[in-house]
C-alpha atoms as a PDB file:
ATOM      1  CA  MET A   1     -12.941  41.325  32.782  1.00  0.00           C
ATOM      2  CA  HIS A   2     -16.900  40.855  32.428  1.00  0.00           C
ATOM      3  CA  PRO A   3     -18.365  37.077  32.986  1.00  0.00           C
ATOM      4  CA  TRP A   4     -20.049  37.227  30.362  1.00  0.00           C
ATOM      5  CA  ARG A   5     -16.541  37.339  28.113  1.00  0.00           C
ATOM      6  CA  ARG A   6     -14.818  34.921  29.838  1.00  0.00           C
ATOM      7  CA  TRP A   7     -17.498  32.388  29.345  1.00  0.00           C
ATOM      8  CA  THR A   8     -17.535  33.452  26.051  1.00  0.00           C
ATOM      9  CA  CYS A   9     -13.648  33.194  25.635  1.00  0.00           C
ATOM     10  CA  LEU A  10     -13.712  29.950  27.818  1.00  0.00           C
ATOM     11  CA  LEU A  11     -16.432  28.450  25.096  1.00  0.00           C
ATOM     12  CA  SER A  12     -14.657  29.414  21.857  1.00  0.00           C
ATOM     13  CA  MET A  13     -11.366  27.866  23.766  1.00  0.00           C
ATOM     14  CA  VAL A  14     -13.578  24.725  24.145  1.00  0.00           C
ATOM     15  CA  GLY A  15     -15.282  24.551  20.427  1.00  0.00           C
ATOM     16  CA  ALA A  16     -11.421  25.274  19.071  1.00  0.00           C
ATOM     17  CA  VAL A  17     -10.491  22.056  20.648  1.00  0.00           C
ATOM     18  CA  VAL A  18     -13.164  19.937  19.541  1.00  0.00           C
ATOM     19  CA  LEU A  19     -13.067  21.125  16.580  1.00  0.00           C
ATOM     20  CA  ALA A  20      -9.381  20.078  16.745  1.00  0.00           C
ATOM     21  CA  ALA A  21      -9.610  16.494  18.304  1.00  0.00           C
ATOM     22  CA  ARG A  22     -12.209  16.039  15.576  1.00  0.00           C
ATOM     23  CA  TRP A  23      -9.952  17.033  12.472  1.00  0.00           C
ATOM     24  CA  GLN A  24      -7.038  14.577  14.003  1.00  0.00           C
ATOM     25  CA  ALA A  25      -9.854  11.472  14.478  1.00  0.00           C
ATOM     26  CA  SER A  26     -10.551  12.369  10.799  1.00  0.00           C
ATOM     27  CA  ALA A  27      -7.092  12.390   9.737  1.00  0.00           C
ATOM     28  CA  ALA A  28      -6.100   9.272  11.237  1.00  0.00           C
ATOM     29  CA  GLU A  29      -9.480   7.317  10.146  1.00  0.00           C
ATOM     30  CA  GLU A  30      -8.778   8.567   6.335  1.00  0.00           C
ATOM     31  CA  THR A  31      -4.961   7.311   6.777  1.00  0.00           C
ATOM     32  CA  GLY A  32      -5.304   4.074   9.237  1.00  0.00           C
ATOM     33  CA  GLY A  33      -4.108   6.572  12.114  1.00  0.00           C
ATOM     34  CA  GLU A  34      -2.060   5.032  14.855  1.00  0.00           C
ATOM     35  CA  ARG A  35      -1.681   1.559  12.987  1.00  0.00           C
ATOM     36  CA  ALA A  36      -0.640   2.457   9.989  1.00  0.00           C
ATOM     37  CA  ALA A  37       1.896   4.690  11.674  1.00  0.00           C
ATOM     38  CA  ASN A  38       2.960   2.298  14.356  1.00  0.00           C
ATOM     39  CA  ALA A  39       2.853  -0.596  11.480  1.00  0.00           C
ATOM     40  CA  ARG A  40       5.965  -3.260  11.590  1.00  0.00           C
ATOM     41  CA  ILE A  41       7.056  -5.517   8.947  1.00  0.00           C
ATOM     42  CA  ALA A  42       5.527  -8.113  10.743  1.00  0.00           C
ATOM     43  CA  ASP A  43       1.928  -6.729  10.024  1.00  0.00           C
ATOM     44  CA  VAL A  44       2.283  -7.393   6.968  1.00  0.00           C
ATOM     45  CA  ALA A  45       3.705 -11.316   7.090  1.00  0.00           C
ATOM     46  CA  TRP A  46       0.834 -12.453   5.991  1.00  0.00           C
ATOM     47  CA  ILE A  47       1.294 -11.385   2.043  1.00  0.00           C
ATOM     48  CA  ALA A  48       4.779 -13.850   2.328  1.00  0.00           C
ATOM     49  CA  GLY A  49       4.456 -16.916   0.305  1.00  0.00           C
ATOM     50  CA  THR A  50       3.917 -17.939  -3.935  1.00  0.00           C
ATOM     51  CA  TRP A  51       0.892 -16.771  -5.581  1.00  0.00           C
ATOM     52  CA  ARG A  52      -0.460 -17.808  -9.090  1.00  0.00           C
ATOM     53  CA  GLY A  53      -3.044 -15.506 -10.516  1.00  0.00           C
ATOM     54  CA  GLU A  54      -4.617 -14.952 -14.335  1.00  0.00           C
ATOM     55  CA  ASP A  55      -5.246 -11.866 -16.099  1.00  0.00           C
ATOM     56  CA  GLY A  56      -7.862 -13.322 -18.959  1.00  0.00           C
ATOM     57  CA  SER A  57      -4.915 -15.856 -20.553  1.00  0.00           C
ATOM     58  CA  ASP A  58      -2.255 -14.494 -19.156  1.00  0.00           C
ATOM     59  CA  ARG A  59      -0.502 -15.742 -16.011  1.00  0.00           C
ATOM     60  CA  LEU A  60       0.716 -14.260 -13.184  1.00  0.00           C
ATOM     61  CA  GLU A  61       2.992 -14.924 -10.805  1.00  0.00           C
ATOM     62  CA  GLU A  62       3.745 -13.025  -7.554  1.00  0.00           C
ATOM     63  CA  HIS A  63       6.369 -14.460  -4.713  1.00  0.00           C
ATOM     64  CA  TRP A  64       6.881 -12.677  -0.886  1.00  0.00           C
ATOM     65  CA  SER A  65       9.518 -14.063   1.050  1.00  0.00           C
ATOM     66  CA  GLU A  66       9.072 -14.095   5.256  1.00  0.00           C
ATOM     67  CA  PRO A  67       9.495 -10.848   6.842  1.00  0.00           C
ATOM     68  CA  LEU A  68      13.315 -11.457   8.092  1.00  0.00           C
ATOM     69  CA  GLY A  69      15.039  -7.656  10.012  1.00  0.00           C
ATOM     70  CA  ASP A  70      13.026  -5.259   8.982  1.00  0.00           C
ATOM     71  CA  GLY A  71      12.010  -5.881   5.658  1.00  0.00           C
ATOM     72  CA  MET A  72      10.511  -8.442   2.846  1.00  0.00           C
ATOM     73  CA  VAL A  73      11.013  -8.790  -0.802  1.00  0.00           C
ATOM     74  CA  GLY A  74       9.286  -9.934  -3.655  1.00  0.00           C
ATOM     75  CA  THR A  75       9.502 -10.910  -7.178  1.00  0.00           C
ATOM     76  CA  PHE A  76       6.511 -10.769  -9.399  1.00  0.00           C
ATOM     77  CA  ARG A  77       6.233 -12.221 -13.830  1.00  0.00           C
ATOM     78  CA  TRP A  78       3.466 -11.957 -15.879  1.00  0.00           C
ATOM     79  CA  LEU A  79       3.256 -13.965 -19.045  1.00  0.00           C
ATOM     80  CA  ARG A  80       1.604 -13.472 -22.151  1.00  0.00           C
ATOM     81  CA  SER A  81       1.424 -16.271 -24.539  1.00  0.00           C
ATOM     82  CA  ASP A  82       3.624 -18.177 -22.380  1.00  0.00           C
ATOM     83  CA  ALA A  83       6.543 -15.672 -22.883  1.00  0.00           C
ATOM     84  CA  VAL A  84       7.706 -13.479 -20.292  1.00  0.00           C
ATOM     85  CA  TRP A  85       6.114 -10.026 -20.909  1.00  0.00           C
ATOM     86  CA  MET A  86       7.941  -8.074 -17.668  1.00  0.00           C
ATOM     87  CA  TYR A  87       9.522  -8.667 -13.992  1.00  0.00           C
ATOM     88  CA  GLU A  88       8.914  -6.675 -10.653  1.00  0.00           C
ATOM     89  CA  LEU A  89      11.124  -6.368  -7.950  1.00  0.00           C
ATOM     90  CA  MET A  90       9.118  -5.038  -4.910  1.00  0.00           C
ATOM     91  CA  THR A  91      10.203  -4.626  -1.146  1.00  0.00           C
ATOM     92  CA  ILE A  92       8.512  -3.653   1.837  1.00  0.00           C
ATOM     93  CA  THR A  93      10.963  -2.184   4.274  1.00  0.00           C
ATOM     94  CA  GLU A  94      10.238  -0.249   7.964  1.00  0.00           C
ATOM     95  CA  ASP A  95      11.733   3.199   7.138  1.00  0.00           C
ATOM     96  CA  ASP A  96      11.998   5.803   9.493  1.00  0.00           C
ATOM     97  CA  GLY A  97       8.896   4.239  11.795  1.00  0.00           C
ATOM     98  CA  ARG A  98       7.070   3.806   8.436  1.00  0.00           C
ATOM     99  CA  LEU A  99       6.482   0.759   6.283  1.00  0.00           C
ATOM    100  CA  VAL A 100       7.165   1.941   2.428  1.00  0.00           C
ATOM    101  CA  PHE A 101       6.275  -0.578  -0.759  1.00  0.00           C
ATOM    102  CA  ARG A 102       9.109  -0.258  -3.133  1.00  0.00           C
ATOM    103  CA  ILE A 103       8.756  -1.377  -6.585  1.00  0.00           C
ATOM    104  CA  LYS A 104      11.048  -1.566  -9.899  1.00  0.00           C
ATOM    105  CA  HIS A 105       9.667  -2.850 -13.628  1.00  0.00           C
ATOM    106  CA  PHE A 106      11.900  -4.887 -15.532  1.00  0.00           C
ATOM    107  CA  THR A 107      11.368  -6.063 -19.609  1.00  0.00           C
ATOM    108  CA  ARG A 108      11.678  -9.729 -20.509  1.00  0.00           C
ATOM    109  CA  ALA A 109      15.158  -8.585 -20.689  1.00  0.00           C
ATOM    110  CA  LEU A 110      15.549  -7.341 -17.447  1.00  0.00           C
ATOM    111  CA  LYS A 111      15.842  -3.519 -18.967  1.00  0.00           C
ATOM    112  CA  GLY A 112      14.582  -1.250 -16.123  1.00  0.00           C
ATOM    113  CA  TRP A 113      11.601   0.811 -16.806  1.00  0.00           C
ATOM    114  CA  GLU A 114      12.037   2.952 -14.200  1.00  0.00           C
ATOM    115  CA  PRO A 115      15.625   5.334 -14.451  1.00  0.00           C
ATOM    116  CA  GLN A 116      18.498   3.368 -12.658  1.00  0.00           C
ATOM    117  CA  ASP A 117      18.382   4.515  -9.015  1.00  0.00           C
ATOM    118  CA  GLU A 118      14.782   5.612  -8.724  1.00  0.00           C
ATOM    119  CA  PRO A 119      12.792   2.886  -7.626  1.00  0.00           C
ATOM    120  CA  VAL A 120       8.638   3.914  -6.855  1.00  0.00           C
ATOM    121  CA  SER A 121       7.749   4.682  -3.503  1.00  0.00           C
ATOM    122  CA  TYR A 122       4.540   4.104  -1.749  1.00  0.00           C
ATOM    123  CA  PRO A 123       4.717   4.828   2.041  1.00  0.00           C
ATOM    124  CA  LEU A 124       1.615   2.980   4.132  1.00  0.00           C
ATOM    125  CA  ALA A 125      -1.434   4.691   3.903  1.00  0.00           C
ATOM    126  CA  HIS A 126      -3.840   2.303   5.473  1.00  0.00           C
ATOM    127  CA  LEU A 127      -3.687  -0.934   7.490  1.00  0.00           C
ATOM    128  CA  GLU A 128      -6.045  -3.435   9.361  1.00  0.00           C
ATOM    129  CA  ASN A 129      -6.591  -6.614   9.771  1.00  0.00           C
ATOM    130  CA  GLY A 130      -5.760  -8.907   6.004  1.00  0.00           C
ATOM    131  CA  LYS A 131      -5.559  -5.079   4.107  1.00  0.00           C
ATOM    132  CA  VAL A 132      -2.996  -2.920   3.591  1.00  0.00           C
ATOM    133  CA  VAL A 133      -2.694  -0.183   1.462  1.00  0.00           C
ATOM    134  CA  PHE A 134       0.194   1.963   0.065  1.00  0.00           C
ATOM    135  CA  GLU A 135       0.103   5.524  -1.302  1.00  0.00           C
ATOM    136  CA  ASN A 136       2.274   7.790  -3.359  1.00  0.00           C
ATOM    137  CA  PRO A 137       0.306  11.324  -4.086  1.00  0.00           C
ATOM    138  CA  ALA A 138       3.219  12.510  -5.729  1.00  0.00           C
ATOM    139  CA  HIS A 139       2.276   9.595  -8.577  1.00  0.00           C
ATOM    140  CA  ASP A 140      -0.820   9.086 -10.786  1.00  0.00           C
ATOM    141  CA  ALA A 141       0.082   5.627 -12.904  1.00  0.00           C
ATOM    142  CA  PRO A 142      -0.504   3.837 -10.275  1.00  0.00           C
ATOM    143  CA  ARG A 143      -1.775   5.875  -7.355  1.00  0.00           C
ATOM    144  CA  ARG A 144      -2.341   3.028  -4.508  1.00  0.00           C
ATOM    145  CA  PHE A 145      -0.932  -0.952  -4.302  1.00  0.00           C
ATOM    146  CA  ILE A 146      -3.681  -2.526  -1.936  1.00  0.00           C
ATOM    147  CA  TYR A 147      -2.897  -6.305  -0.767  1.00  0.00           C
ATOM    148  CA  GLU A 148      -6.142  -7.862   0.865  1.00  0.00           C
ATOM    149  CA  ARG A 149      -6.487 -11.187   1.964  1.00  0.00           C
ATOM    150  CA  THR A 150      -9.818 -12.655   1.005  1.00  0.00           C
ATOM    151  CA  SER A 151      -9.215 -16.337   2.468  1.00  0.00           C
ATOM    152  CA  THR A 152      -6.212 -18.384   3.883  1.00  0.00           C
ATOM    153  CA  ASP A 153      -4.950 -19.233   0.671  1.00  0.00           C
ATOM    154  CA  GLY A 154      -5.962 -16.052  -1.509  1.00  0.00           C
ATOM    155  CA  ILE A 155      -5.393 -12.590  -1.994  1.00  0.00           C
ATOM    156  CA  THR A 156      -6.880  -9.531  -4.123  1.00  0.00           C
ATOM    157  CA  VAL A 157      -3.679  -7.075  -5.310  1.00  0.00           C
ATOM    158  CA  SER A 158      -5.008  -3.949  -6.894  1.00  0.00           C
ATOM    159  CA  PHE A 159      -3.325  -0.729  -8.239  1.00  0.00           C
ATOM    160  CA  GLU A 160      -5.435   2.270  -8.743  1.00  0.00           C
ATOM    161  CA  SER A 161      -4.023   4.901 -11.235  1.00  0.00           C
ATOM    162  CA  ILE A 162      -5.720   8.400 -11.542  1.00  0.00           C
ATOM    163  CA  LYS A 163      -5.944   9.510 -15.269  1.00  0.00           C
ATOM    164  CA  ASP A 164      -8.119  12.699 -15.990  1.00  0.00           C
ATOM    165  CA  GLY A 165      -9.306  13.141 -12.517  1.00  0.00           C
ATOM    166  CA  ALA A 166     -11.076   9.925 -12.510  1.00  0.00           C
ATOM    167  CA  THR A 167      -9.884   6.696 -10.288  1.00  0.00           C
ATOM    168  CA  LYS A 168      -9.639   3.352 -12.489  1.00  0.00           C
ATOM    169  CA  ARG A 169      -8.481   0.366 -10.698  1.00  0.00           C
ATOM    170  CA  GLN A 170      -7.356  -3.136 -11.888  1.00  0.00           C
ATOM    171  CA  ASP A 171      -7.644  -6.313  -9.502  1.00  0.00           C
ATOM    172  CA  PHE A 172      -5.319  -9.153  -9.969  1.00  0.00           C
ATOM    173  CA  SER A 173      -6.764 -12.434  -7.863  1.00  0.00           C
ATOM    174  CA  PHE A 174      -4.095 -14.768  -6.546  1.00  0.00           C
ATOM    175  CA  LYS A 175      -4.570 -18.581  -4.858  1.00  0.00           C
ATOM    176  CA  ARG A 176      -1.442 -19.320  -2.457  1.00  0.00           C
ATOM    177  CA  VAL A 177       0.859 -22.620  -4.530  1.00  0.00           C
ATOM    178  CA  GLY A 178       3.371 -22.215  -1.828  1.00  0.00           C
ATOM    179  CA  PRO A 179       4.822 -20.876   1.320  1.00  0.00           C
END
């Protein structure tokens, strides 16, 4: 083989390796990378506690247990005009080396919104100090749940939905009212 062809082949291979490394780093950055892939339930323990917030005149309450074993359980209730409008039962568990957020919605009479045996699952997409993003690309409403610590006693819980190609975000601010 002619020497310049060897150099051309070598440079092509080096270029391919560099491009692959850049793509892998970019993909890891977008998904939270190794931090998301290797997250443990202890990494989201800061969500534990009793949290209260408001949405206009509506009252909101969310409670998360301390991590125990490989999971946490949460409940949510939404009051409108001092009457319960809806409940949610939520879990965060370690499944096959990845955190997964699951949720089921219920009316005030505990009639489920989702089919009986089908919670909606949101695998961990991104994790950083004080912020966690769970995402289900196959589910448009909502597509993402985001928990973000705003202070020692404050969190914002957001969900993002996709409608007609546009992202709509709703934020709920909560203050800690109990352990």
